[in-house]
Amino acid sequence: MTIECKGEQLILSSDKAIYWQARKMLIISDLHIGKSAHFRKSGIPVPDSINLTDLQRLTALISEFNPETLLVTGDMFHNNINSDTNTFMHWRKSFAHLKVVLIKGNHDNLKNEDYDALGINVHQKELLAAPFRFIHDKPDQVDEYYNISGHIHPGVIIYGKAKQQLKFPCFYFGSDYAILPAFSVFTGLKVLNPKQGDRFYAITPAKVIAIKA
């Protein structure tokens, strides 16, 4: 689905990504590389296929859109270097031509030399690319930039005719900022309370659909 935001055309992918064609930029959030390995280390039996599945989806998106830049708006990694991170390292070598930019999130605790070794350009707080500001969490102030963030793992509830409820991840676009869905399949959802004028785009198994607030 293609939408307009602040005069720019953005493609909302059902694989939980935005493609900004004017900048040839693929934008995702909350990839959480290393989360499944972190849980396994703590004795919780989480399949190691989760990380690989996320990277396969990312590969498919890169093949579809052929971006010059991959931008991650925080929580690209979940903790420290572990086996999942090593898997990403091998994946990264297959896309050495791709510029990878990270806005650090609260879980991005790798050392600076680790990011350098992975070929990742790190911004501590934000990245300005008019008319947008890319940031990990909801901004504290409003200015001339429209903010695009992650962190919250937004979801929306769709009500059926028989009063059944279905919960889906979503893209949220408010008056001052947008929130991307968590890219990783190993995350929960926070259902957002809509305000008048808010735009929700639910990610269903079939396609992205617009939901009226």
N, C-alpha and C. Protein backbone atom coordinates (compact mmCIF):
# COMPACT_ATOMS: atom_id res chain seq x y z
N MET A 1 0.84 -1.20 0.00
CA MET A 1 0.00 0.00 0.00
C MET A 1 0.87 1.25 0.00
N THR A 2 0.54 2.21 -0.85
CA THR A 2 1.27 3.47 -0.92
C THR A 2 0.43 4.57 -0.28
N ILE A 3 1.05 5.34 0.62
CA ILE A 3 0.37 6.46 1.26
C ILE A 3 1.20 7.73 1.05
N GLU A 4 0.57 8.86 1.32
CA GLU A 4 1.29 10.13 1.29
C GLU A 4 1.46 10.64 2.71
N CYS A 5 2.64 11.10 3.03
CA CYS A 5 2.92 11.65 4.35
C CYS A 5 3.86 12.84 4.18
N LYS A 6 3.40 14.01 4.55
CA LYS A 6 4.19 15.24 4.44
C LYS A 6 4.73 15.45 3.03
N GLY A 7 3.89 15.13 2.04
CA GLY A 7 4.27 15.32 0.65
C GLY A 7 5.14 14.24 0.06
N GLU A 8 5.46 13.21 0.84
CA GLU A 8 6.30 12.12 0.37
C GLU A 8 5.47 10.84 0.19
N GLN A 9 5.85 10.05 -0.81
CA GLN A 9 5.19 8.78 -1.06
C GLN A 9 5.93 7.68 -0.29
N LEU A 10 5.19 6.97 0.55
CA LEU A 10 5.76 5.88 1.33
C LEU A 10 5.01 4.59 1.02
N ILE A 11 5.75 3.52 0.78
CA ILE A 11 5.15 2.21 0.54
C ILE A 11 5.15 1.44 1.85
N LEU A 12 3.98 1.02 2.31
CA LEU A 12 3.85 0.22 3.51
C LEU A 12 3.79 -1.25 3.11
N SER A 13 4.80 -1.99 3.50
CA SER A 13 4.89 -3.40 3.13
C SER A 13 4.22 -4.28 4.18
N SER A 14 3.57 -5.34 3.73
CA SER A 14 2.97 -6.30 4.65
C SER A 14 4.04 -7.06 5.43
N ASP A 15 5.30 -6.90 5.07
CA ASP A 15 6.40 -7.49 5.83
C ASP A 15 6.96 -6.51 6.84
N LYS A 16 6.12 -5.55 7.28
CA LYS A 16 6.43 -4.66 8.40
C LYS A 16 7.59 -3.71 8.11
N ALA A 17 7.60 -3.16 6.93
CA ALA A 17 8.64 -2.21 6.54
C ALA A 17 8.03 -1.08 5.74
N ILE A 18 8.73 0.05 5.73
CA ILE A 18 8.38 1.18 4.87
C ILE A 18 9.48 1.34 3.84
N TYR A 19 9.07 1.56 2.59
CA TYR A 19 10.06 1.91 1.58
C TYR A 19 9.80 3.34 1.12
N TRP A 20 10.82 4.17 1.31
CA TRP A 20 10.79 5.58 0.89
C TRP A 20 11.53 5.67 -0.43
N GLN A 21 10.77 5.64 -1.50
CA GLN A 21 11.36 5.52 -2.82
C GLN A 21 12.24 6.70 -3.19
N ALA A 22 11.85 7.91 -2.79
CA ALA A 22 12.61 9.11 -3.15
C ALA A 22 14.04 9.05 -2.61
N ARG A 23 14.23 8.37 -1.50
CA ARG A 23 15.56 8.24 -0.90
C ARG A 23 16.15 6.84 -1.08
N LYS A 24 15.40 5.96 -1.74
CA LYS A 24 15.82 4.56 -1.92
C LYS A 24 16.19 3.95 -0.56
N MET A 25 15.29 4.15 0.39
CA MET A 25 15.55 3.77 1.78
C MET A 25 14.49 2.80 2.27
N LEU A 26 14.94 1.65 2.78
CA LEU A 26 14.06 0.68 3.42
C LEU A 26 14.14 0.91 4.92
N ILE A 27 12.98 1.06 5.56
CA ILE A 27 12.94 1.47 6.97
C ILE A 27 12.21 0.40 7.78
N ILE A 28 12.86 -0.08 8.84
CA ILE A 28 12.26 -1.05 9.74
C ILE A 28 12.58 -0.64 11.18
N SER A 29 11.97 -1.34 12.13
CA SER A 29 12.25 -1.08 13.53
C SER A 29 12.18 -2.37 14.32
N ASP A 30 12.89 -2.41 15.43
CA ASP A 30 12.78 -3.50 16.40
C ASP A 30 13.00 -4.87 15.77
N LEU A 31 14.17 -5.03 15.20
CA LEU A 31 14.57 -6.32 14.63
C LEU A 31 14.96 -7.30 15.72
N HIS A 32 15.52 -6.80 16.81
CA HIS A 32 15.84 -7.59 18.00
C HIS A 32 16.70 -8.83 17.68
N ILE A 33 17.76 -8.63 16.92
CA ILE A 33 18.70 -9.71 16.67
C ILE A 33 19.35 -10.12 17.99
N GLY A 34 19.35 -11.40 18.27
CA GLY A 34 19.95 -11.90 19.50
C GLY A 34 18.96 -12.18 20.60
N LYS A 35 17.70 -11.82 20.40
CA LYS A 35 16.70 -12.01 21.47
C LYS A 35 16.45 -13.49 21.73
N SER A 36 16.30 -14.28 20.67
CA SER A 36 16.02 -15.70 20.87
C SER A 36 17.20 -16.40 21.52
N ALA A 37 18.43 -16.05 21.10
CA ALA A 37 19.61 -16.66 21.72
C ALA A 37 19.75 -16.23 23.18
N HIS A 38 19.37 -14.99 23.48
CA HIS A 38 19.40 -14.49 24.85
C HIS A 38 18.45 -15.28 25.73
N PHE A 39 17.28 -15.60 25.23
CA PHE A 39 16.31 -16.38 26.00
C PHE A 39 16.81 -17.82 26.18
N ARG A 40 17.40 -18.38 25.14
CA ARG A 40 17.91 -19.76 25.26
C ARG A 40 19.02 -19.83 26.30
N LYS A 41 19.86 -18.80 26.33
CA LYS A 41 20.94 -18.77 27.32
C LYS A 41 20.39 -18.73 28.74
N SER A 42 19.17 -18.17 28.87
CA SER A 42 18.52 -18.10 30.19
C SER A 42 17.71 -19.36 30.50
N GLY A 43 17.80 -20.35 29.62
CA GLY A 43 17.12 -21.61 29.86
C GLY A 43 15.71 -21.70 29.32
N ILE A 44 15.30 -20.69 28.53
CA ILE A 44 13.96 -20.69 27.94
C ILE A 44 14.06 -21.24 26.52
N PRO A 45 13.35 -22.34 26.21
CA PRO A 45 13.49 -23.01 24.91
C PRO A 45 12.83 -22.24 23.78
N VAL A 46 13.55 -21.31 23.19
CA VAL A 46 13.05 -20.54 22.04
C VAL A 46 13.76 -21.05 20.79
N PRO A 47 13.03 -21.34 19.71
CA PRO A 47 13.67 -21.88 18.50
C PRO A 47 14.70 -20.93 17.92
N ASP A 48 15.82 -21.47 17.48
CA ASP A 48 16.85 -20.62 16.87
C ASP A 48 16.49 -20.23 15.44
N SER A 49 15.38 -20.76 14.93
CA SER A 49 14.94 -20.43 13.57
C SER A 49 14.31 -19.04 13.49
N ILE A 50 13.95 -18.44 14.63
CA ILE A 50 13.28 -17.13 14.63
C ILE A 50 14.18 -16.07 13.98
N ASN A 51 15.42 -16.02 14.39
CA ASN A 51 16.35 -15.03 13.86
C ASN A 51 16.54 -15.23 12.36
N LEU A 52 16.65 -16.49 11.95
CA LEU A 52 16.85 -16.79 10.52
C LEU A 52 15.63 -16.40 9.71
N THR A 53 14.43 -16.64 10.26
CA THR A 53 13.20 -16.25 9.58
C THR A 53 13.15 -14.75 9.35
N ASP A 54 13.50 -13.96 10.36
CA ASP A 54 13.51 -12.50 10.21
C ASP A 54 14.49 -12.06 9.13
N LEU A 55 15.65 -12.66 9.10
CA LEU A 55 16.66 -12.29 8.10
C LEU A 55 16.22 -12.71 6.70
N GLN A 56 15.52 -13.82 6.59
CA GLN A 56 14.99 -14.23 5.29
C GLN A 56 13.95 -13.24 4.78
N ARG A 57 13.10 -12.75 5.68
CA ARG A 57 12.12 -11.74 5.30
C ARG A 57 12.80 -10.45 4.88
N LEU A 58 13.86 -10.09 5.59
CA LEU A 58 14.61 -8.89 5.24
C LEU A 58 15.28 -9.04 3.88
N THR A 59 15.80 -10.22 3.60
CA THR A 59 16.40 -10.51 2.30
C THR A 59 15.37 -10.34 1.19
N ALA A 60 14.16 -10.83 1.42
CA ALA A 60 13.10 -10.73 0.42
C ALA A 60 12.74 -9.27 0.15
N LEU A 61 12.71 -8.45 1.20
CA LEU A 61 12.40 -7.03 1.04
C LEU A 61 13.49 -6.32 0.24
N ILE A 62 14.73 -6.64 0.51
CA ILE A 62 15.84 -6.04 -0.23
C ILE A 62 15.79 -6.44 -1.70
N SER A 63 15.43 -7.69 -1.94
CA SER A 63 15.28 -8.16 -3.32
C SER A 63 14.13 -7.45 -4.02
N GLU A 64 13.05 -7.18 -3.29
CA GLU A 64 11.88 -6.53 -3.88
C GLU A 64 12.12 -5.06 -4.20
N PHE A 65 12.72 -4.34 -3.27
CA PHE A 65 12.83 -2.88 -3.41
C PHE A 65 14.21 -2.40 -3.88
N ASN A 66 15.23 -3.22 -3.71
CA ASN A 66 16.60 -2.86 -4.09
C ASN A 66 17.01 -1.50 -3.51
N PRO A 67 16.94 -1.36 -2.18
CA PRO A 67 17.28 -0.07 -1.56
C PRO A 67 18.78 0.18 -1.55
N GLU A 68 19.14 1.45 -1.42
CA GLU A 68 20.55 1.80 -1.22
C GLU A 68 20.87 1.84 0.28
N THR A 69 19.84 2.11 1.11
CA THR A 69 20.02 2.25 2.55
C THR A 69 18.99 1.43 3.30
N LEU A 70 19.44 0.72 4.32
CA LEU A 70 18.55 0.09 5.29
C LEU A 70 18.64 0.89 6.57
N LEU A 71 17.53 1.47 6.99
CA LEU A 71 17.48 2.27 8.21
C LEU A 71 16.68 1.52 9.27
N VAL A 72 17.27 1.35 10.44
CA VAL A 72 16.61 0.68 11.56
C VAL A 72 16.39 1.71 12.66
N THR A 73 15.14 1.94 13.01
CA THR A 73 14.84 2.97 14.01
C THR A 73 14.85 2.37 15.42
N GLY A 74 15.94 1.74 15.76
CA GLY A 74 16.16 1.28 17.13
C GLY A 74 15.89 -0.19 17.37
N ASP A 75 16.58 -0.71 18.40
CA ASP A 75 16.49 -2.11 18.82
C ASP A 75 16.75 -3.07 17.67
N MET A 76 17.82 -2.78 16.95
CA MET A 76 18.28 -3.71 15.92
C MET A 76 18.80 -4.98 16.58
N PHE A 77 19.46 -4.78 17.72
CA PHE A 77 19.98 -5.89 18.50
C PHE A 77 19.28 -5.92 19.86
N HIS A 78 19.26 -7.09 20.47
CA HIS A 78 18.54 -7.21 21.73
C HIS A 78 19.45 -7.14 22.95
N ASN A 79 20.68 -7.54 22.80
CA ASN A 79 21.56 -7.57 23.97
C ASN A 79 22.99 -7.45 23.49
N ASN A 80 23.81 -8.42 23.79
CA ASN A 80 25.20 -8.40 23.39
C ASN A 80 25.45 -9.38 22.25
N ILE A 81 26.70 -9.50 21.86
CA ILE A 81 27.07 -10.44 20.81
C ILE A 81 26.74 -11.86 21.26
N ASN A 82 26.02 -12.60 20.42
CA ASN A 82 25.74 -14.01 20.69
C ASN A 82 25.62 -14.75 19.35
N SER A 83 25.11 -15.97 19.38
CA SER A 83 25.07 -16.78 18.16
C SER A 83 24.17 -16.15 17.10
N ASP A 84 23.08 -15.50 17.50
CA ASP A 84 22.21 -14.83 16.54
C ASP A 84 22.95 -13.68 15.84
N THR A 85 23.76 -12.97 16.60
CA THR A 85 24.53 -11.87 16.02
C THR A 85 25.53 -12.39 15.00
N ASN A 86 26.11 -13.55 15.28
CA ASN A 86 27.04 -14.16 14.34
C ASN A 86 26.35 -14.55 13.04
N THR A 87 25.09 -15.00 13.16
CA THR A 87 24.30 -15.31 11.96
C THR A 87 24.08 -14.05 11.14
N PHE A 88 23.77 -12.94 11.82
CA PHE A 88 23.60 -11.67 11.12
C PHE A 88 24.90 -11.24 10.44
N MET A 89 26.03 -11.50 11.07
CA MET A 89 27.32 -11.12 10.50
C MET A 89 27.51 -11.79 9.14
N HIS A 90 27.16 -13.07 9.05
CA HIS A 90 27.26 -13.78 7.77
C HIS A 90 26.26 -13.20 6.76
N TRP A 91 25.07 -12.87 7.22
CA TRP A 91 24.06 -12.27 6.35
C TRP A 91 24.57 -10.93 5.81
N ARG A 92 25.18 -10.14 6.67
CA ARG A 92 25.65 -8.80 6.28
C ARG A 92 26.67 -8.88 5.15
N LYS A 93 27.50 -9.89 5.14
CA LYS A 93 28.52 -10.04 4.10
C LYS A 93 27.89 -10.22 2.73
N SER A 94 26.66 -10.74 2.70
CA SER A 94 25.97 -10.93 1.43
C SER A 94 25.43 -9.61 0.87
N PHE A 95 25.38 -8.59 1.72
CA PHE A 95 24.86 -7.29 1.32
C PHE A 95 25.86 -6.20 1.68
N ALA A 96 27.11 -6.45 1.33
CA ALA A 96 28.17 -5.49 1.67
C ALA A 96 27.95 -4.14 1.00
N HIS A 97 27.22 -4.12 -0.12
CA HIS A 97 26.96 -2.87 -0.85
C HIS A 97 25.90 -2.01 -0.17
N LEU A 98 25.14 -2.61 0.73
CA LEU A 98 24.00 -1.93 1.35
C LEU A 98 24.47 -1.06 2.52
N LYS A 99 24.09 0.20 2.53
CA LYS A 99 24.38 1.07 3.66
C LYS A 99 23.37 0.77 4.76
N VAL A 100 23.86 0.44 5.96
CA VAL A 100 22.99 0.13 7.08
C VAL A 100 23.16 1.21 8.14
N VAL A 101 22.05 1.83 8.52
CA VAL A 101 22.05 2.92 9.49
C VAL A 101 21.16 2.53 10.66
N LEU A 102 21.65 2.74 11.86
CA LEU A 102 20.91 2.41 13.08
C LEU A 102 20.74 3.64 13.96
N ILE A 103 19.50 3.92 14.35
CA ILE A 103 19.23 4.86 15.43
C ILE A 103 19.20 4.03 16.70
N LYS A 104 20.10 4.24 17.62
CA LYS A 104 20.21 3.36 18.77
C LYS A 104 18.94 3.35 19.61
N GLY A 105 18.53 2.14 19.98
CA GLY A 105 17.39 1.95 20.86
C GLY A 105 17.86 1.51 22.23
N ASN A 106 16.92 1.28 23.11
CA ASN A 106 17.26 0.93 24.49
C ASN A 106 17.89 -0.45 24.63
N HIS A 107 17.76 -1.30 23.61
CA HIS A 107 18.36 -2.63 23.67
C HIS A 107 19.68 -2.72 22.89
N ASP A 108 20.06 -1.67 22.21
CA ASP A 108 21.26 -1.72 21.37
C ASP A 108 22.50 -1.44 22.22
N ASN A 109 23.06 -2.53 22.77
CA ASN A 109 24.16 -2.41 23.73
C ASN A 109 25.49 -2.94 23.21
N LEU A 110 25.60 -3.11 21.91
CA LEU A 110 26.88 -3.57 21.37
C LEU A 110 27.94 -2.48 21.52
N LYS A 111 29.20 -2.89 21.50
CA LYS A 111 30.29 -1.94 21.57
C LYS A 111 30.46 -1.24 20.22
N ASN A 112 31.07 -0.07 20.25
CA ASN A 112 31.28 0.68 19.01
C ASN A 112 32.05 -0.13 17.99
N GLU A 113 33.04 -0.88 18.44
CA GLU A 113 33.83 -1.68 17.51
C GLU A 113 33.02 -2.81 16.89
N ASP A 114 31.99 -3.28 17.62
CA ASP A 114 31.11 -4.31 17.07
C ASP A 114 30.28 -3.76 15.91
N TYR A 115 29.74 -2.56 16.10
CA TYR A 115 28.97 -1.94 15.02
C TYR A 115 29.87 -1.68 13.81
N ASP A 116 31.09 -1.23 14.06
CA ASP A 116 32.03 -0.98 12.97
C ASP A 116 32.32 -2.27 12.20
N ALA A 117 32.52 -3.36 12.93
CA ALA A 117 32.82 -4.64 12.29
C ALA A 117 31.66 -5.14 11.44
N LEU A 118 30.43 -4.76 11.84
CA LEU A 118 29.24 -5.19 11.10
C LEU A 118 28.87 -4.20 9.99
N GLY A 119 29.64 -3.14 9.84
CA GLY A 119 29.37 -2.17 8.78
C GLY A 119 28.09 -1.40 9.02
N ILE A 120 27.86 -0.98 10.27
CA ILE A 120 26.64 -0.27 10.64
C ILE A 120 26.99 1.15 11.08
N ASN A 121 26.36 2.14 10.45
CA ASN A 121 26.52 3.53 10.85
C ASN A 121 25.52 3.83 11.97
N VAL A 122 26.00 4.28 13.11
CA VAL A 122 25.16 4.45 14.30
C VAL A 122 24.92 5.92 14.60
N HIS A 123 23.64 6.24 14.86
CA HIS A 123 23.26 7.56 15.34
C HIS A 123 22.73 7.38 16.76
N GLN A 124 23.24 8.15 17.67
CA GLN A 124 22.90 7.96 19.08
C GLN A 124 21.44 8.31 19.39
N LYS A 125 20.90 9.31 18.74
CA LYS A 125 19.56 9.78 19.10
C LYS A 125 18.60 9.82 17.94
N GLU A 126 19.02 10.41 16.82
CA GLU A 126 18.07 10.64 15.72
C GLU A 126 18.80 10.81 14.41
N LEU A 127 18.03 10.74 13.33
CA LEU A 127 18.53 11.04 12.00
C LEU A 127 17.52 11.97 11.34
N LEU A 128 17.99 13.12 10.88
CA LEU A 128 17.13 14.07 10.20
C LEU A 128 17.27 13.89 8.70
N ALA A 129 16.13 13.65 8.04
CA ALA A 129 16.08 13.53 6.59
C ALA A 129 14.76 14.17 6.17
N ALA A 130 14.80 15.47 5.94
CA ALA A 130 13.57 16.26 5.73
C ALA A 130 12.65 15.59 4.70
N PRO A 131 11.36 15.55 5.02
CA PRO A 131 10.68 16.21 6.13
C PRO A 131 10.56 15.35 7.41
N PHE A 132 11.39 14.30 7.51
CA PHE A 132 11.23 13.35 8.61
C PHE A 132 12.38 13.41 9.62
N ARG A 133 12.05 13.09 10.86
CA ARG A 133 13.04 12.78 11.88
C ARG A 133 12.84 11.32 12.25
N PHE A 134 13.89 10.53 12.14
CA PHE A 134 13.83 9.13 12.54
C PHE A 134 14.41 9.00 13.94
N ILE A 135 13.64 8.38 14.82
CA ILE A 135 13.98 8.33 16.24
C ILE A 135 13.42 7.02 16.78
N HIS A 136 13.99 6.53 17.89
CA HIS A 136 13.52 5.23 18.38
C HIS A 136 12.20 5.32 19.11
N ASP A 137 12.05 6.27 20.00
CA ASP A 137 10.85 6.37 20.83
C ASP A 137 10.08 7.63 20.49
N LYS A 138 8.89 7.74 21.00
CA LYS A 138 8.04 8.90 20.79
C LYS A 138 8.79 10.17 21.20
N PRO A 139 8.79 11.20 20.37
CA PRO A 139 9.55 12.42 20.67
C PRO A 139 8.92 13.22 21.81
N ASP A 140 9.76 13.97 22.49
CA ASP A 140 9.29 14.82 23.59
C ASP A 140 8.72 16.14 23.10
N GLN A 141 9.21 16.60 21.94
CA GLN A 141 8.78 17.90 21.43
C GLN A 141 8.34 17.76 19.98
N VAL A 142 7.57 18.73 19.54
CA VAL A 142 7.08 18.77 18.17
C VAL A 142 7.68 19.98 17.48
N ASP A 143 8.21 19.78 16.27
CA ASP A 143 8.76 20.89 15.50
C ASP A 143 8.42 20.68 14.03
N GLU A 144 9.25 21.23 13.14
CA GLU A 144 8.92 21.17 11.72
C GLU A 144 9.11 19.77 11.11
N TYR A 145 9.80 18.88 11.82
CA TYR A 145 10.01 17.53 11.31
C TYR A 145 8.89 16.59 11.77
N TYR A 146 8.47 15.72 10.87
CA TYR A 146 7.52 14.68 11.22
C TYR A 146 8.31 13.47 11.69
N ASN A 147 8.00 12.99 12.88
CA ASN A 147 8.79 11.94 13.51
C ASN A 147 8.31 10.55 13.12
N ILE A 148 9.25 9.68 12.83
CA ILE A 148 8.96 8.27 12.56
C ILE A 148 9.77 7.44 13.54
N SER A 149 9.08 6.64 14.35
CA SER A 149 9.72 5.94 15.45
C SER A 149 9.33 4.46 15.46
N GLY A 150 9.82 3.76 16.48
CA GLY A 150 9.47 2.36 16.70
C GLY A 150 9.18 2.15 18.17
N HIS A 151 9.80 1.12 18.75
CA HIS A 151 9.84 0.87 20.19
C HIS A 151 8.56 0.29 20.79
N ILE A 152 7.40 0.77 20.36
CA ILE A 152 6.16 0.43 21.06
C ILE A 152 5.57 -0.90 20.59
N HIS A 153 5.91 -1.36 19.38
CA HIS A 153 5.32 -2.57 18.79
C HIS A 153 3.81 -2.41 18.66
N PRO A 154 3.33 -1.44 17.88
CA PRO A 154 1.91 -1.11 17.86
C PRO A 154 1.04 -2.20 17.25
N GLY A 155 -0.17 -2.30 17.79
CA GLY A 155 -1.16 -3.22 17.28
C GLY A 155 -2.52 -2.56 17.23
N VAL A 156 -3.44 -3.17 16.49
CA VAL A 156 -4.80 -2.65 16.36
C VAL A 156 -5.77 -3.82 16.38
N ILE A 157 -6.94 -3.59 16.94
CA ILE A 157 -7.97 -4.62 17.00
C ILE A 157 -9.02 -4.34 15.93
N ILE A 158 -9.33 -5.37 15.15
CA ILE A 158 -10.39 -5.29 14.15
C ILE A 158 -11.56 -6.13 14.64
N TYR A 159 -12.74 -5.53 14.61
CA TYR A 159 -13.94 -6.21 15.10
C TYR A 159 -14.74 -6.75 13.92
N GLY A 160 -15.10 -8.04 14.01
CA GLY A 160 -15.88 -8.66 12.96
C GLY A 160 -17.37 -8.46 13.15
N LYS A 161 -18.17 -8.88 12.17
CA LYS A 161 -19.61 -8.71 12.24
C LYS A 161 -20.23 -9.55 13.36
N ALA A 162 -19.59 -10.63 13.72
CA ALA A 162 -20.10 -11.49 14.79
C ALA A 162 -19.48 -11.14 16.13
N LYS A 163 -18.97 -9.90 16.24
CA LYS A 163 -18.37 -9.37 17.46
C LYS A 163 -17.06 -10.06 17.85
N GLN A 164 -16.46 -10.80 16.91
CA GLN A 164 -15.16 -11.38 17.21
C GLN A 164 -14.08 -10.31 17.08
N GLN A 165 -12.98 -10.52 17.78
CA GLN A 165 -11.89 -9.57 17.77
C GLN A 165 -10.64 -10.22 17.20
N LEU A 166 -9.98 -9.51 16.30
CA LEU A 166 -8.71 -9.97 15.75
C LEU A 166 -7.67 -8.87 15.97
N LYS A 167 -6.52 -9.25 16.49
CA LYS A 167 -5.46 -8.29 16.77
C LYS A 167 -4.34 -8.45 15.74
N PHE A 168 -3.92 -7.33 15.16
CA PHE A 168 -2.87 -7.34 14.14
C PHE A 168 -1.82 -6.28 14.45
N PRO A 169 -0.58 -6.53 14.05
CA PRO A 169 0.41 -5.44 14.08
C PRO A 169 -0.01 -4.36 13.09
N CYS A 170 0.47 -3.15 13.30
CA CYS A 170 0.03 -2.07 12.42
C CYS A 170 1.08 -0.98 12.29
N PHE A 171 0.90 -0.17 11.25
CA PHE A 171 1.58 1.11 11.12
C PHE A 171 0.64 2.17 11.69
N TYR A 172 1.18 3.06 12.49
CA TYR A 172 0.38 4.15 13.06
C TYR A 172 0.92 5.48 12.56
N PHE A 173 0.01 6.33 12.08
CA PHE A 173 0.36 7.68 11.64
C PHE A 173 -0.55 8.67 12.34
N GLY A 174 0.03 9.44 13.27
CA GLY A 174 -0.70 10.48 13.97
C GLY A 174 -0.40 11.84 13.37
N SER A 175 -0.84 12.88 14.04
CA SER A 175 -0.64 14.23 13.51
C SER A 175 0.82 14.66 13.54
N ASP A 176 1.57 14.17 14.52
CA ASP A 176 2.95 14.62 14.71
C ASP A 176 4.00 13.53 14.52
N TYR A 177 3.59 12.28 14.62
CA TYR A 177 4.57 11.21 14.53
C TYR A 177 3.92 9.91 14.09
N ALA A 178 4.77 9.02 13.57
CA ALA A 178 4.35 7.69 13.14
C ALA A 178 5.11 6.65 13.94
N ILE A 179 4.53 5.46 14.06
CA ILE A 179 5.18 4.35 14.75
C ILE A 179 5.18 3.15 13.82
N LEU A 180 6.36 2.56 13.62
CA LEU A 180 6.47 1.36 12.81
C LEU A 180 6.15 0.12 13.62
N PRO A 181 5.64 -0.91 12.98
CA PRO A 181 5.48 -2.19 13.67
C PRO A 181 6.84 -2.81 13.95
N ALA A 182 6.90 -3.65 14.97
CA ALA A 182 8.13 -4.39 15.23
C ALA A 182 8.38 -5.36 14.09
N PHE A 183 9.59 -5.36 13.56
CA PHE A 183 9.89 -6.24 12.43
C PHE A 183 9.99 -7.70 12.85
N SER A 184 10.57 -7.95 14.00
CA SER A 184 10.77 -9.33 14.44
C SER A 184 9.44 -10.00 14.75
N VAL A 185 9.37 -11.29 14.44
CA VAL A 185 8.18 -12.07 14.79
C VAL A 185 8.15 -12.39 16.28
N PHE A 186 9.28 -12.20 16.97
CA PHE A 186 9.40 -12.56 18.38
C PHE A 186 9.17 -11.32 19.26
N THR A 187 8.01 -10.70 19.10
CA THR A 187 7.65 -9.52 19.88
C THR A 187 6.14 -9.56 20.18
N GLY A 188 5.74 -8.82 21.21
CA GLY A 188 4.33 -8.68 21.52
C GLY A 188 3.73 -7.48 20.80
N LEU A 189 2.48 -7.16 21.14
CA LEU A 189 1.80 -6.03 20.55
C LEU A 189 1.20 -5.15 21.65
N LYS A 190 1.26 -3.84 21.45
CA LYS A 190 0.59 -2.90 22.32
C LYS A 190 -0.52 -2.22 21.52
N VAL A 191 -1.75 -2.48 21.92
CA VAL A 191 -2.89 -1.89 21.22
C VAL A 191 -2.97 -0.40 21.56
N LEU A 192 -3.02 0.43 20.52
CA LEU A 192 -3.05 1.88 20.69
C LEU A 192 -4.48 2.40 20.71
N ASN A 193 -4.72 3.40 21.53
CA ASN A 193 -6.02 4.04 21.58
C ASN A 193 -6.06 5.16 20.54
N PRO A 194 -6.95 5.06 19.57
CA PRO A 194 -6.96 6.05 18.48
C PRO A 194 -7.50 7.40 18.92
N LYS A 195 -6.97 8.44 18.28
CA LYS A 195 -7.48 9.79 18.43
C LYS A 195 -8.04 10.23 17.08
N GLN A 196 -8.89 11.23 17.10
CA GLN A 196 -9.49 11.70 15.86
C GLN A 196 -8.41 12.15 14.89
N GLY A 197 -8.49 11.64 13.67
CA GLY A 197 -7.52 11.99 12.64
C GLY A 197 -6.37 11.01 12.52
N ASP A 198 -6.21 10.10 13.49
CA ASP A 198 -5.15 9.10 13.42
C ASP A 198 -5.41 8.14 12.26
N ARG A 199 -4.33 7.66 11.69
CA ARG A 199 -4.44 6.66 10.62
C ARG A 199 -3.77 5.37 11.08
N PHE A 200 -4.49 4.27 10.96
CA PHE A 200 -3.96 2.95 11.28
C PHE A 200 -3.97 2.09 10.02
N TYR A 201 -2.90 1.33 9.83
CA TYR A 201 -2.81 0.42 8.70
C TYR A 201 -2.47 -0.96 9.26
N ALA A 202 -3.48 -1.81 9.31
CA ALA A 202 -3.32 -3.14 9.90
C ALA A 202 -2.60 -4.06 8.93
N ILE A 203 -1.70 -4.87 9.47
CA ILE A 203 -0.95 -5.83 8.67
C ILE A 203 -1.60 -7.19 8.84
N THR A 204 -2.48 -7.55 7.92
CA THR A 204 -3.18 -8.83 7.96
C THR A 204 -2.38 -9.85 7.16
N PRO A 205 -2.71 -11.15 7.29
CA PRO A 205 -1.98 -12.16 6.50
C PRO A 205 -2.07 -11.92 4.99
N ALA A 206 -3.15 -11.26 4.54
CA ALA A 206 -3.34 -11.07 3.10
C ALA A 206 -2.69 -9.79 2.58
N LYS A 207 -2.84 -8.68 3.34
CA LYS A 207 -2.36 -7.39 2.85
C LYS A 207 -2.42 -6.35 3.96
N VAL A 208 -1.92 -5.15 3.65
CA VAL A 208 -2.04 -4.01 4.56
C VAL A 208 -3.37 -3.33 4.25
N ILE A 209 -4.17 -3.07 5.30
CA ILE A 209 -5.46 -2.43 5.09
C ILE A 209 -5.59 -1.21 5.98
N ALA A 210 -6.23 -0.16 5.47
CA ALA A 210 -6.45 1.06 6.24
C ALA A 210 -7.62 0.87 7.19
N ILE A 211 -7.43 1.33 8.44
CA ILE A 211 -8.46 1.23 9.48
C ILE A 211 -8.83 2.64 9.91
N LYS A 212 -10.10 2.97 9.94
CA LYS A 212 -10.53 4.28 10.39
C LYS A 212 -10.48 4.35 11.91
N ALA A 213 -9.94 5.46 12.42
CA ALA A 213 -9.87 5.66 13.88
C ALA A 213 -11.26 5.94 14.43
